[in-house]
Amino acid sequence: ILVSSSIAPEMNVSCKEYEQVRNENRSHLLLDVRVKRQFEMCNLSGAVNIELGNIETQIVDIEKMCGAETPVFCICRRGIASTEAARVLSQNLSSTAKVYNIVGGYNSWVKEVDASFPYY
């Protein structure tokens, strides 16, 4: 399946930028959109797993988790599925919460932030 996603450039954040959010304990929702098996292999603490294919059907649940103001950061293995998730959320969330894509996903997290992160 070829997914053509384009999101506004300001919706993209680097792993370093997201690391700052975590380090400063800023309120946010980290949405890991990989399949459950991959999520169970490794994930960042606090991540909530909702597979990309289930995002649209779980919009209400996501809104309950993030509220009106809490930003949502989407992550996956390489940043492709998370880009699509960010696009879908930005078009469907009724709240004013900002939505971000973590560019490069866990692949970049290992290279830019934490080389010891268990990665497959």
Protein backbone atom coordinates (compact mmCIF):
# COMPACT_ATOMS: atom_id res chain seq x y z
CA ILE A 1 0.00 0.00 0.00
CA LEU A 2 1.43 3.34 -1.00
CA VAL A 3 0.42 6.04 1.43
CA SER A 4 0.69 9.57 0.19
CA SER A 5 0.75 11.75 3.25
CA SER A 6 1.60 15.30 3.37
CA ILE A 7 1.39 17.25 6.54
CA ALA A 8 2.26 20.83 7.33
CA PRO A 9 6.01 21.20 7.99
CA GLU A 10 5.36 22.59 11.47
CA MET A 11 3.76 19.27 12.41
CA ASN A 12 7.14 17.54 12.10
CA VAL A 13 9.44 17.42 15.12
CA SER A 14 12.85 15.82 15.41
CA CYS A 15 13.65 13.14 17.97
CA LYS A 16 15.81 15.72 19.78
CA GLU A 17 12.85 18.11 19.98
CA TYR A 18 10.64 15.34 21.33
CA GLU A 19 13.32 14.35 23.83
CA GLN A 20 13.09 17.91 25.23
CA VAL A 21 9.33 17.47 25.72
CA ARG A 22 10.02 14.29 27.73
CA ASN A 23 12.92 15.76 29.69
CA GLU A 24 10.87 18.80 30.67
CA ASN A 25 7.95 16.57 31.70
CA ARG A 26 5.59 18.56 29.48
CA SER A 27 2.11 17.12 29.34
CA HIS A 28 1.55 15.19 26.10
CA LEU A 29 0.24 11.96 24.60
CA LEU A 30 2.74 9.71 22.83
CA LEU A 31 0.86 7.61 20.31
CA ASP A 32 2.80 4.60 18.99
CA VAL A 33 1.05 3.57 15.77
CA ARG A 34 2.97 0.35 15.06
CA VAL A 35 1.32 -3.07 15.19
CA LYS A 36 0.90 -4.56 18.66
CA ARG A 37 3.65 -7.16 18.19
CA GLN A 38 6.22 -4.47 17.38
CA PHE A 39 5.01 -2.30 20.26
CA GLU A 40 5.46 -5.21 22.67
CA MET A 41 9.04 -5.72 21.44
CA CYS A 42 10.09 -2.18 22.38
CA ASN A 43 8.51 1.18 23.12
CA LEU A 44 9.15 4.43 24.93
CA SER A 45 7.74 4.56 28.45
CA GLY A 46 4.33 6.15 28.58
CA ALA A 47 3.51 5.38 24.95
CA VAL A 48 -0.04 4.35 24.07
CA ASN A 49 -0.36 1.81 21.27
CA ILE A 50 -3.08 2.38 18.70
CA GLU A 51 -2.26 0.85 15.34
CA LEU A 52 -2.43 3.16 12.33
CA GLY A 53 -5.31 1.15 10.86
CA ASN A 54 -7.36 1.76 14.01
CA ILE A 55 -6.76 5.51 14.42
CA GLU A 56 -9.96 6.68 12.73
CA THR A 57 -12.16 4.31 14.72
CA GLN A 58 -10.54 5.39 18.00
CA ILE A 59 -10.70 9.17 17.58
CA VAL A 60 -13.10 9.52 20.52
CA ASP A 61 -10.78 7.49 22.79
CA ILE A 62 -7.77 9.52 21.68
CA GLU A 63 -9.65 12.74 22.42
CA LYS A 64 -10.45 11.46 25.91
CA MET A 65 -6.76 10.72 26.48
CA CYS A 66 -5.44 14.06 25.23
CA GLY A 67 -8.22 16.42 26.19
CA ALA A 68 -8.57 19.77 24.46
CA GLU A 69 -5.05 21.09 24.89
CA THR A 70 -2.64 18.17 25.37
CA PRO A 71 -0.43 17.76 22.29
CA VAL A 72 -0.27 14.38 20.56
CA PHE A 73 3.06 13.06 19.29
CA CYS A 74 2.91 10.16 16.82
CA ILE A 75 5.76 7.69 16.46
CA CYS A 76 6.41 4.49 14.51
CA ARG A 77 9.47 2.60 13.31
CA ARG A 78 10.64 4.94 10.52
CA GLY A 79 8.23 7.87 10.53
CA ILE A 80 6.03 6.83 7.62
CA ALA A 81 3.00 5.45 9.47
CA SER A 82 3.29 8.20 12.10
CA THR A 83 3.12 10.86 9.37
CA GLU A 84 -0.12 9.33 8.14
CA ALA A 85 -1.44 9.08 11.72
CA ALA A 86 -0.64 12.75 12.32
CA ARG A 87 -2.47 13.68 9.12
CA VAL A 88 -5.56 11.64 10.07
CA LEU A 89 -5.62 13.03 13.61
CA SER A 90 -5.16 16.63 12.50
CA GLN A 91 -8.17 16.25 10.20
CA ASN A 92 -10.40 14.38 12.66
CA LEU A 93 -9.74 15.52 16.22
CA SER A 94 -12.42 17.94 17.33
CA SER A 95 -10.19 19.29 20.10
CA THR A 96 -7.67 22.07 19.67
CA ALA A 97 -4.82 19.74 20.61
CA LYS A 98 -1.78 20.08 18.38
CA VAL A 99 -0.62 16.95 16.56
CA TYR A 100 3.00 16.18 15.72
CA ASN A 101 4.93 13.54 13.81
CA ILE A 102 8.27 12.41 15.24
CA VAL A 103 10.44 12.38 12.12
CA GLY A 104 12.30 9.13 11.50
CA GLY A 105 10.54 7.32 14.34
CA TYR A 106 12.40 4.83 16.51
CA ASN A 107 15.01 4.42 13.79
CA SER A 108 16.06 8.05 14.35
CA TRP A 109 15.55 7.81 18.14
CA VAL A 110 18.31 5.17 18.28
CA LYS A 111 20.65 7.29 16.13
CA GLU A 112 19.96 10.73 17.64
CA VAL A 113 18.90 10.19 21.25
CA ASP A 114 19.45 6.77 22.78
CA ALA A 115 21.77 4.27 21.13
CA SER A 116 20.93 1.73 23.87
CA PHE A 117 17.21 1.72 23.02
CA PRO A 118 16.18 -1.90 22.24
CA TYR A 119 15.54 -1.78 18.51
CA TYR A 120 14.67 -4.47 16.00
